[in-house]
Amino acid sequence: MFQGTIPGPMRSIVRETAGSWPRGPVYVPCCGNFTIERSLAGMGFELHSSDVSIYTSAVGRWLTRQPVGIRLREESRGELAWLADSLDDGVGTVATLMLGTRFLASVGRDGLWHERVVRSYRDQWKAKHAETVERLSGSDIELASYEVGDVRSWLQRVPREAPVCSFPPFYGGGYEKLYEPLEAHFAWDAPEYEPLSDADVVDVLGAITDRPYWLTASNHDVPELHPYLRGVIKATPRAAPFYVYASEARTRIVAPRQTVEPVKAPRLREGDELVGPLTLSLLKPGQFNALRSRYLNPRIAPGAANLAVAVRDGGGRLLGVFAMAPSTFTPDEAYVLSDFAVAPTDYPRLSKLIVLAAMSAEAQLLCQRAFSRRIRRVATTAFSNNPVSMKYRGLLRLNKRGPSSEDGWKFQLQYQGAMGRHTLAGALEIWAKRWGAPTTKTGV
């Protein structure tokens, strides 16, 4: 219900660690999305929370039966008048802010996508708001107190013997940027505070750890807390690791685990001749995971695919795989998450045939059925140490080249192209003429 970025296993670790704490008050500074409070619910603790953000303060005040104290800004009443009746200084206001985190960033911005997002929420507002209010009303979180205040001064008032549990921001401007759209359209009695500097972070950590019972976590490795490192959590292959530090706790390591299923179809091998016609077959998630682990570059972090498709030749042999997801920002675009060819074979440019198959009319139809929308283009991202990707060169248009966001690569290349301009038969014909020559082998 509450939005958050803390991985699920963290809640289990918090609950397990707190099981050895004395029952009584527990203090949660920088409570954010109330992950800690949700983890400790029903354990007999008296929870005292504090934060400075508009979103957290709305939820915290409502949970402690205080007036929420948030209203629509005068300058926003024109374009957001349809929200006014939902602001009741209680659960209705909290529900409005929760939903607002999903669409307010698009208000007043140009572009079809932003316009569609706002229109969708406006047209469905009454139903969405009522559903959110209902879900909030069923919350089992109970707070003894909530205070809007700076973490530095708040911690000075916390009894030294009381347990403290917190996931403080270890980077500047995080929450400010996250809730900027809410601040732009809603007014409230916001506290005055200075963002945490590096020296302030050290002071906050000192105030948290200078007591018998404490737990903190961050997505940054904190050298000063190495003696208290109790766990490392990496929930998914692409997720940043979380480091858990505590006065006393069991050691835990959480690593991603993917399910795999066997793929019994034969694969094209060295010495095999590729023959038409090409066909496409849907893959189960476990089958896609197995093939990706076998053939994709291990330096590329895997992601979850909405649609995974195997490309096979006329002999039923597997040639390669492509995986798609609907584009986040472009409604008529499919994003290619992965595309790779089997190996080894006699065809050094086999990967180009997989790209051509992913651009085919047959692949377009599969995408439209899977995503329930019209698809006209494909896009993908390539990481390379060269300024162009030889796999996509001649097939897709290079839209952007920049420094890589992934370790081990120099360039991050953004490609885009039309979809559905050729069939699978056409793809094989194009590939055979330009790149389909097999490697010539000489014997002794």
Protein backbone atom coordinates (compact mmCIF):
# COMPACT_ATOMS: atom_id res chain seq x y z
CA MET A 1 0.00 0.00 0.00
CA PHE A 2 2.68 2.52 1.03
CA GLN A 3 5.25 3.17 -1.66
CA GLY A 4 8.81 2.18 -0.85
CA THR A 5 12.12 1.01 -2.22
CA ILE A 6 13.24 -1.19 0.68
CA PRO A 7 13.43 -4.84 -0.47
CA GLY A 8 11.01 -7.35 1.04
CA PRO A 9 13.65 -9.47 2.83
CA MET A 10 14.62 -6.37 4.84
CA ARG A 11 11.30 -6.50 6.68
CA SER A 12 12.02 -10.08 7.78
CA ILE A 13 15.47 -9.08 9.06
CA VAL A 14 14.06 -6.10 10.96
CA ARG A 15 11.40 -8.25 12.58
CA GLU A 16 13.88 -11.01 13.45
CA THR A 17 16.37 -8.55 14.98
CA ALA A 18 13.73 -6.65 16.96
CA GLY A 19 12.54 -9.92 18.47
CA SER A 20 15.41 -9.71 20.99
CA TRP A 21 14.75 -6.08 21.94
CA PRO A 22 12.97 -5.20 25.21
CA ARG A 23 9.29 -4.41 24.71
CA GLY A 24 8.52 -0.76 25.04
CA PRO A 25 9.22 2.38 22.99
CA VAL A 26 11.07 2.06 19.66
CA TYR A 27 12.11 5.22 17.82
CA VAL A 28 12.16 5.44 14.03
CA PRO A 29 13.75 8.61 12.61
CA CYS A 30 13.64 9.20 8.83
CA CYS A 31 10.72 6.79 8.70
CA GLY A 32 10.10 7.38 4.98
CA ASN A 33 7.47 4.91 3.81
CA PHE A 34 6.94 3.24 7.20
CA THR A 35 8.68 0.02 6.19
CA ILE A 36 10.08 -0.40 9.70
CA GLU A 37 6.74 0.32 11.35
CA ARG A 38 5.04 -2.24 9.11
CA SER A 39 7.72 -4.77 10.00
CA LEU A 40 7.27 -4.24 13.75
CA ALA A 41 3.46 -4.14 13.73
CA GLY A 42 1.89 -6.50 16.24
CA MET A 43 5.12 -7.15 18.20
CA GLY A 44 4.12 -5.13 21.25
CA PHE A 45 6.29 -2.07 20.61
CA GLU A 46 5.31 1.54 21.16
CA LEU A 47 6.37 3.15 17.87
CA HIS A 48 7.51 6.77 17.70
CA SER A 49 8.29 8.11 14.21
CA SER A 50 9.65 11.27 12.64
CA ASP A 51 10.36 12.67 9.17
CA VAL A 52 10.28 15.89 7.18
CA SER A 53 8.65 15.02 3.83
CA ILE A 54 5.12 16.02 2.84
CA TYR A 55 4.15 12.46 1.91
CA THR A 56 5.44 10.81 5.09
CA SER A 57 4.03 13.57 7.29
CA ALA A 58 0.58 13.19 5.77
CA VAL A 59 0.58 9.45 6.51
CA GLY A 60 2.15 9.87 9.96
CA ARG A 61 -0.32 12.52 11.07
CA TRP A 62 -3.25 10.43 9.86
CA LEU A 63 -1.95 7.33 11.69
CA THR A 64 -1.75 9.36 14.93
CA ARG A 65 -5.16 10.96 14.37
CA GLN A 66 -3.76 14.45 13.83
CA PRO A 67 -5.15 16.83 11.19
CA VAL A 68 -3.13 16.23 8.03
CA GLY A 69 -2.91 19.97 7.32
CA ILE A 70 -2.34 19.77 3.56
CA ARG A 71 -4.28 21.78 0.98
CA LEU A 72 -4.20 22.45 -2.74
CA ARG A 73 -2.16 25.50 -3.74
CA GLU A 74 -4.08 28.42 -5.19
CA GLU A 75 -2.06 28.34 -8.41
CA SER A 76 -2.98 24.67 -8.93
CA ARG A 77 -6.72 24.99 -8.40
CA GLY A 78 -7.38 25.60 -12.07
CA GLU A 79 -5.91 22.42 -13.54
CA LEU A 80 -6.45 20.24 -10.44
CA ALA A 81 -9.88 21.39 -9.29
CA TRP A 82 -11.11 17.80 -9.65
CA LEU A 83 -9.01 16.86 -6.59
CA ALA A 84 -10.56 19.41 -4.24
CA ASP A 85 -13.48 17.28 -3.02
CA SER A 86 -11.06 14.48 -2.03
CA LEU A 87 -9.12 16.61 0.46
CA ASP A 88 -10.77 15.99 3.83
CA ASP A 89 -7.75 16.64 6.12
CA GLY A 90 -7.72 12.92 6.88
CA VAL A 91 -7.60 9.62 5.02
CA GLY A 92 -8.96 11.23 1.84
CA THR A 93 -6.04 13.63 1.71
CA VAL A 94 -3.56 10.82 2.33
CA ALA A 95 -5.10 8.79 -0.51
CA THR A 96 -4.89 11.84 -2.79
CA LEU A 97 -1.18 12.29 -2.10
CA MET A 98 -0.49 8.58 -2.62
CA LEU A 99 -2.17 8.63 -6.01
CA GLY A 100 -0.56 11.97 -6.76
CA THR A 101 2.93 10.45 -6.61
CA ARG A 102 1.99 8.51 -9.75
CA PHE A 103 0.67 11.27 -12.01
CA LEU A 104 1.45 14.78 -10.69
CA ALA A 105 4.88 14.77 -12.36
CA SER A 106 3.01 14.79 -15.71
CA VAL A 107 0.71 17.72 -14.90
CA GLY A 108 1.46 20.73 -17.10
CA ARG A 109 4.05 18.89 -19.20
CA ASP A 110 3.94 18.66 -22.98
CA GLY A 111 3.76 15.33 -24.75
CA LEU A 112 1.10 12.76 -25.58
CA TRP A 113 2.29 10.36 -22.89
CA HIS A 114 2.00 12.95 -20.09
CA GLU A 115 -1.40 14.07 -21.35
CA ARG A 116 -2.67 10.48 -21.38
CA VAL A 117 -1.44 9.82 -17.85
CA VAL A 118 -3.23 12.86 -16.41
CA ARG A 119 -6.40 12.21 -18.40
CA SER A 120 -6.48 8.59 -17.27
CA TYR A 121 -6.32 9.54 -13.58
CA ARG A 122 -8.85 12.36 -13.97
CA ASP A 123 -11.36 10.10 -15.72
CA GLN A 124 -10.98 7.29 -13.17
CA TRP A 125 -10.39 9.44 -10.11
CA LYS A 126 -13.47 8.65 -8.04
CA ALA A 127 -12.99 4.90 -8.35
CA LYS A 128 -9.22 4.98 -7.76
CA HIS A 129 -9.56 7.33 -4.78
CA ALA A 130 -12.31 5.26 -3.16
CA GLU A 131 -10.25 2.07 -3.60
CA THR A 132 -7.18 3.69 -2.02
CA VAL A 133 -9.20 5.02 0.92
CA GLU A 134 -10.59 1.54 1.51
CA ARG A 135 -7.11 -0.02 1.49
CA LEU A 136 -5.75 2.63 3.83
CA SER A 137 -8.60 2.11 6.25
CA GLY A 138 -7.56 -1.52 6.63
CA SER A 139 -4.00 -0.66 7.71
CA ASP A 140 -2.76 -2.40 10.86
CA ILE A 141 -0.01 0.14 11.64
CA GLU A 142 -0.34 1.89 14.98
CA LEU A 143 1.92 4.78 15.99
CA ALA A 144 2.26 6.17 19.48
CA SER A 145 3.48 9.46 18.04
CA TYR A 146 4.59 11.15 14.85
CA GLU A 147 6.58 14.38 14.71
CA VAL A 148 7.61 16.54 11.79
CA GLY A 149 11.18 17.48 12.57
CA ASP A 150 14.84 17.35 11.65
CA VAL A 151 16.48 14.03 12.48
CA ARG A 152 19.45 15.68 14.24
CA SER A 153 17.42 17.51 16.86
CA TRP A 154 14.85 14.70 17.19
CA LEU A 155 17.49 12.07 18.02
CA GLN A 156 18.87 14.26 20.80
CA ARG A 157 15.57 13.80 22.66
CA VAL A 158 15.41 10.01 22.25
CA PRO A 159 16.22 8.12 25.51
CA ARG A 160 19.62 6.49 25.24
CA GLU A 161 18.39 3.07 26.39
CA ALA A 162 15.56 2.96 23.85
CA PRO A 163 16.03 0.99 20.59
CA VAL A 164 16.40 3.03 17.39
CA CYS A 165 15.74 1.62 13.93
CA SER A 166 16.22 3.77 10.85
CA PHE A 167 17.05 3.77 7.15
CA PRO A 168 18.37 7.35 6.89
CA PRO A 169 19.11 8.94 3.50
CA PHE A 170 22.80 8.51 2.72
CA TYR A 171 22.64 10.79 -0.33
CA GLY A 172 21.58 14.39 -0.64
CA GLY A 173 18.27 15.54 -2.10
CA GLY A 174 16.72 12.09 -2.45
CA TYR A 175 13.37 12.69 -0.79
CA GLU A 176 13.25 16.30 -1.94
CA LYS A 177 13.42 15.23 -5.58
CA LEU A 178 11.02 12.32 -5.07
CA TYR A 179 8.24 14.46 -3.61
CA GLU A 180 8.88 17.59 -5.65
CA PRO A 181 5.61 17.21 -7.65
CA LEU A 182 3.63 17.02 -4.39
CA GLU A 183 5.30 20.15 -3.04
CA ALA A 184 4.58 21.94 -6.33
CA HIS A 185 0.81 21.49 -6.03
CA PHE A 186 0.12 21.20 -2.29
CA ALA A 187 0.81 23.61 0.57
CA TRP A 188 1.53 22.59 4.17
CA ASP A 189 3.44 23.71 7.27
CA ALA A 190 6.75 22.37 5.97
CA PRO A 191 9.60 22.35 8.52
CA GLU A 192 12.80 24.28 8.01
CA TYR A 193 15.88 22.08 7.87
CA GLU A 194 19.24 21.80 6.15
CA PRO A 195 19.95 18.76 3.95
CA LEU A 196 22.39 16.34 5.55
CA SER A 197 26.03 16.94 4.72
CA ASP A 198 28.63 14.17 4.90
CA ALA A 199 29.56 15.33 8.39
CA ASP A 200 25.88 15.34 9.41
CA VAL A 201 25.47 11.76 8.21
CA VAL A 202 28.34 10.71 10.46
CA ASP A 203 26.71 12.53 13.40
CA VAL A 204 23.34 10.89 12.72
CA LEU A 205 24.95 7.45 12.53
CA GLY A 206 26.72 8.16 15.80
CA ALA A 207 23.45 9.12 17.50
CA ILE A 208 21.76 5.96 16.18
CA THR A 209 24.55 3.55 17.11
CA ASP A 210 25.43 5.01 20.52
CA ARG A 211 22.96 2.79 22.37
CA PRO A 212 22.48 -0.87 23.29
CA TYR A 213 19.87 -1.71 20.63
CA TRP A 214 19.88 -0.33 17.10
CA LEU A 215 19.56 -1.29 13.44
CA THR A 216 20.19 0.71 10.28
CA ALA A 217 20.56 -0.06 6.60
CA SER A 218 21.70 1.66 3.45
CA ASN A 219 22.35 1.01 -0.22
CA HIS A 220 25.86 2.34 0.43
CA ASP A 221 28.66 0.42 2.09
CA VAL A 222 29.56 2.43 5.22
CA PRO A 223 33.19 1.74 6.23
CA GLU A 224 32.68 3.15 9.75
CA LEU A 225 30.06 0.46 10.43
CA HIS A 226 31.93 -2.58 9.10
CA PRO A 227 32.27 -4.14 12.56
CA TYR A 228 28.46 -4.15 12.78
CA LEU A 229 27.69 -5.48 9.29
CA ARG A 230 24.98 -8.13 9.80
CA GLY A 231 23.64 -8.69 6.32
CA VAL A 232 23.77 -7.93 2.59
CA ILE A 233 20.56 -7.99 0.56
CA LYS A 234 20.42 -8.11 -3.24
CA ALA A 235 16.83 -8.99 -4.03
CA THR A 236 17.11 -9.00 -7.85
CA PRO A 237 20.04 -9.13 -10.30
CA ARG A 238 19.59 -5.45 -11.21
CA ALA A 239 18.87 -4.19 -7.68
CA ALA A 240 21.46 -2.25 -5.73
CA PRO A 241 22.67 -4.15 -2.65
CA PHE A 242 21.42 -3.13 0.79
CA TYR A 243 23.83 -3.32 3.72
CA VAL A 244 22.33 -4.05 7.14
CA TYR A 245 24.11 -2.91 10.31
CA ALA A 246 22.97 -3.67 13.85
CA SER A 247 24.22 -3.80 17.43
CA GLU A 248 23.31 -7.50 17.60
CA ALA A 249 21.69 -9.70 14.96
CA ARG A 250 22.07 -12.94 13.08
CA THR A 251 24.15 -12.74 9.89
CA ARG A 252 22.09 -12.93 6.71
CA ILE A 253 22.85 -12.92 2.99
CA VAL A 254 20.00 -12.54 0.50
CA ALA A 255 20.85 -13.20 -3.16
CA PRO A 256 18.63 -13.42 -6.26
CA ARG A 257 17.51 -16.84 -7.39
CA GLN A 258 15.96 -17.48 -10.77
CA THR A 259 13.88 -20.46 -11.79
CA VAL A 260 15.01 -22.37 -14.87
CA GLU A 261 13.24 -24.93 -17.02
CA PRO A 262 14.75 -27.19 -19.67
CA VAL A 263 14.36 -26.33 -23.35
CA LYS A 264 14.16 -29.59 -25.26
CA ALA A 265 14.22 -28.12 -28.76
CA PRO A 266 17.43 -28.93 -30.69
CA ARG A 267 19.86 -26.04 -31.29
CA LEU A 268 21.70 -25.08 -34.44
CA ARG A 269 25.28 -26.33 -34.08
CA GLU A 270 28.53 -26.25 -35.93
CA GLY A 271 28.20 -28.18 -39.18
CA ASP A 272 24.43 -27.61 -39.37
CA GLU A 273 22.98 -25.75 -42.35
CA LEU A 274 20.35 -23.14 -41.51
CA VAL A 275 17.20 -23.69 -43.58
CA GLY A 276 13.87 -21.89 -43.87
CA PRO A 277 11.18 -21.12 -43.09
CA LEU A 278 11.69 -19.31 -39.78
CA THR A 279 9.12 -19.72 -36.99
CA LEU A 280 8.53 -18.07 -33.62
CA SER A 281 7.67 -19.91 -30.38
CA LEU A 282 6.73 -18.42 -27.02
CA LEU A 283 8.99 -19.29 -24.09
CA LYS A 284 8.07 -19.73 -20.45
CA PRO A 285 9.98 -17.50 -18.00
CA GLY A 286 12.03 -20.44 -16.73
CA GLN A 287 12.96 -21.47 -20.27
CA PHE A 288 14.00 -17.93 -21.13
CA ASN A 289 16.13 -17.77 -17.97
CA ALA A 290 17.87 -21.03 -18.88
CA LEU A 291 18.70 -19.90 -22.42
CA ARG A 292 19.77 -16.44 -21.30
CA SER A 293 22.13 -17.93 -18.71
CA ARG A 294 23.59 -20.20 -21.39
CA TYR A 295 24.12 -17.73 -24.24
CA LEU A 296 23.89 -14.10 -23.08
CA ASN A 297 27.01 -12.20 -22.08
CA PRO A 298 27.30 -12.71 -18.28
CA ARG A 299 28.39 -9.08 -17.87
CA ILE A 300 24.88 -7.95 -18.87
CA ALA A 301 22.52 -7.84 -15.89
CA PRO A 302 19.31 -9.79 -16.65
CA GLY A 303 15.83 -8.33 -16.43
CA ALA A 304 12.27 -9.69 -16.36
CA ALA A 305 10.62 -9.96 -19.77
CA ASN A 306 6.93 -9.55 -20.59
CA LEU A 307 7.34 -11.54 -23.79
CA ALA A 308 10.12 -14.06 -24.54
CA VAL A 309 10.27 -15.63 -28.00
CA ALA A 310 12.42 -18.38 -29.53
CA VAL A 311 13.44 -18.16 -33.19
CA ARG A 312 13.66 -21.53 -34.96
CA ASP A 313 14.61 -22.59 -38.48
CA GLY A 314 12.80 -24.94 -40.84
CA GLY A 315 14.33 -27.96 -39.12
CA GLY A 316 12.87 -26.91 -35.77
CA ARG A 317 16.31 -25.99 -34.44
CA LEU A 318 16.70 -23.09 -32.04
CA LEU A 319 18.57 -20.14 -33.57
CA GLY A 320 18.22 -17.57 -30.81
CA VAL A 321 15.89 -15.66 -28.52
CA PHE A 322 14.52 -12.14 -28.18
CA ALA A 323 12.59 -10.71 -25.23
CA MET A 324 10.31 -7.66 -25.25
CA ALA A 325 8.59 -5.29 -22.84
CA PRO A 326 6.23 -2.37 -23.55
CA SER A 327 8.03 0.95 -23.67
CA THR A 328 7.48 3.11 -20.60
CA PHE A 329 7.30 6.48 -22.36
CA THR A 330 6.34 5.70 -25.98
CA PRO A 331 2.93 3.99 -26.30
CA ASP A 332 3.52 2.44 -29.74
CA GLU A 333 7.01 1.15 -29.04
CA ALA A 334 8.33 -2.24 -27.87
CA TYR A 335 11.59 -2.33 -25.94
CA VAL A 336 13.99 -5.19 -26.69
CA LEU A 337 15.34 -6.34 -23.33
CA SER A 338 17.49 -9.16 -24.71
CA ASP A 339 18.37 -10.65 -28.06
CA PHE A 340 21.01 -13.31 -28.57
CA ALA A 341 21.91 -16.18 -30.88
CA VAL A 342 22.91 -19.72 -29.96
CA ALA A 343 26.57 -20.65 -30.26
CA PRO A 344 28.76 -22.09 -31.58
CA THR A 345 27.51 -22.27 -35.18
CA ASP A 346 28.96 -21.78 -38.66
CA TYR A 347 27.23 -18.37 -38.95
CA PRO A 348 29.21 -15.52 -37.32
CA ARG A 349 26.41 -12.98 -38.02
CA LEU A 350 23.55 -15.13 -36.74
CA SER A 351 22.68 -12.49 -34.13
CA LYS A 352 21.60 -10.13 -36.93
CA LEU A 353 18.98 -12.65 -38.01
CA ILE A 354 17.56 -12.65 -34.47
CA VAL A 355 17.27 -8.84 -34.58
CA LEU A 356 15.54 -9.03 -37.97
CA ALA A 357 13.12 -11.63 -36.58
CA ALA A 358 12.37 -9.33 -33.63
CA MET A 359 11.45 -6.57 -36.12
CA SER A 360 9.20 -8.78 -38.23
CA ALA A 361 5.45 -8.52 -38.76
CA GLU A 362 4.99 -11.80 -36.91
CA ALA A 363 6.87 -10.46 -33.87
CA GLN A 364 4.83 -7.25 -34.11
CA LEU A 365 1.61 -9.26 -33.86
CA LEU A 366 2.88 -11.14 -30.80
CA CYS A 367 3.78 -7.85 -29.11
CA GLN A 368 0.40 -6.30 -29.85
CA ARG A 369 -1.39 -9.29 -28.40
CA ALA A 370 0.83 -9.39 -25.31
CA PHE A 371 0.82 -5.64 -24.60
CA SER A 372 -2.77 -4.85 -25.76
CA ARG A 373 -1.65 -1.88 -27.80
CA ARG A 374 -0.58 -0.96 -31.31
CA ILE A 375 3.17 -1.41 -31.80
CA ARG A 376 4.99 0.34 -34.63
CA ARG A 377 8.61 0.61 -33.46
CA VAL A 378 11.27 -1.20 -31.50
CA ALA A 379 14.00 0.30 -29.32
CA THR A 380 16.88 -1.12 -27.36
CA THR A 381 20.03 -0.20 -25.44
CA ALA A 382 23.45 -1.63 -26.21
CA PHE A 383 26.52 -1.48 -23.98
CA SER A 384 29.78 -1.55 -25.88
CA ASN A 385 33.41 -0.57 -25.81
CA ASN A 386 33.00 0.61 -29.41
CA PRO A 387 31.10 3.74 -30.53
CA VAL A 388 28.63 1.59 -32.52
CA SER A 389 27.14 -1.87 -32.06
CA MET A 390 28.00 -4.13 -34.99
CA LYS A 391 24.95 -6.28 -34.22
CA TYR A 392 22.49 -3.40 -34.74
CA ARG A 393 24.46 -1.52 -37.40
CA GLY A 394 22.51 -1.52 -40.65
CA LEU A 395 19.30 -2.65 -38.92
CA LEU A 396 18.42 0.02 -36.34
CA ARG A 397 19.09 3.74 -36.16
CA LEU A 398 21.53 5.00 -33.52
CA ASN A 399 19.65 7.76 -31.67
CA LYS A 400 22.00 8.52 -28.81
CA ARG A 401 25.51 7.70 -27.69
CA GLY A 402 26.70 8.42 -24.16
CA PRO A 403 28.96 7.14 -21.41
CA SER A 404 27.96 3.76 -20.02
CA SER A 405 25.99 3.56 -16.78
CA GLU A 406 27.21 -0.04 -16.34
CA ASP A 407 30.69 -1.00 -15.20
CA GLY A 408 32.94 -2.60 -17.80
CA TRP A 409 31.65 -0.71 -20.84
CA LYS A 410 32.65 2.61 -22.41
CA PHE A 411 29.48 3.48 -24.32
CA GLN A 412 25.73 3.26 -23.83
CA LEU A 413 24.02 3.25 -27.21
CA GLN A 414 20.31 3.88 -27.80
CA TYR A 415 18.85 2.31 -30.96
CA GLN A 416 15.41 2.56 -32.57
CA GLY A 417 13.75 1.21 -35.71
CA ALA A 418 10.49 0.44 -37.46
CA MET A 419 8.64 -2.80 -36.79
CA GLY A 420 6.58 -4.90 -39.15
CA ARG A 421 8.10 -3.80 -42.48
CA HIS A 422 9.12 -7.36 -43.36
CA THR A 423 7.93 -10.86 -42.57
CA LEU A 424 10.01 -13.71 -41.19
CA ALA A 425 10.51 -14.91 -44.76
CA GLY A 426 11.76 -11.45 -45.68
CA ALA A 427 14.04 -11.39 -42.65
CA LEU A 428 15.70 -14.64 -43.74
CA GLU A 429 16.08 -13.35 -47.29
CA ILE A 430 17.67 -10.06 -46.17
CA TRP A 431 20.02 -11.83 -43.78
CA ALA A 432 21.03 -14.53 -46.29
CA LYS A 433 22.00 -11.91 -48.90
CA ARG A 434 24.02 -9.63 -46.60
CA TRP A 435 25.24 -11.60 -43.59
CA GLY A 436 24.33 -15.24 -44.06
CA ALA A 437 27.56 -16.61 -45.47
CA PRO A 438 28.84 -19.46 -43.26
CA THR A 439 32.39 -19.67 -42.04
CA THR A 440 34.60 -21.50 -44.49
CA LYS A 441 36.42 -24.40 -42.85
CA THR A 442 39.51 -25.97 -44.34
CA GLY A 443 40.67 -29.47 -43.60
CA VAL A 444 44.18 -30.90 -43.51
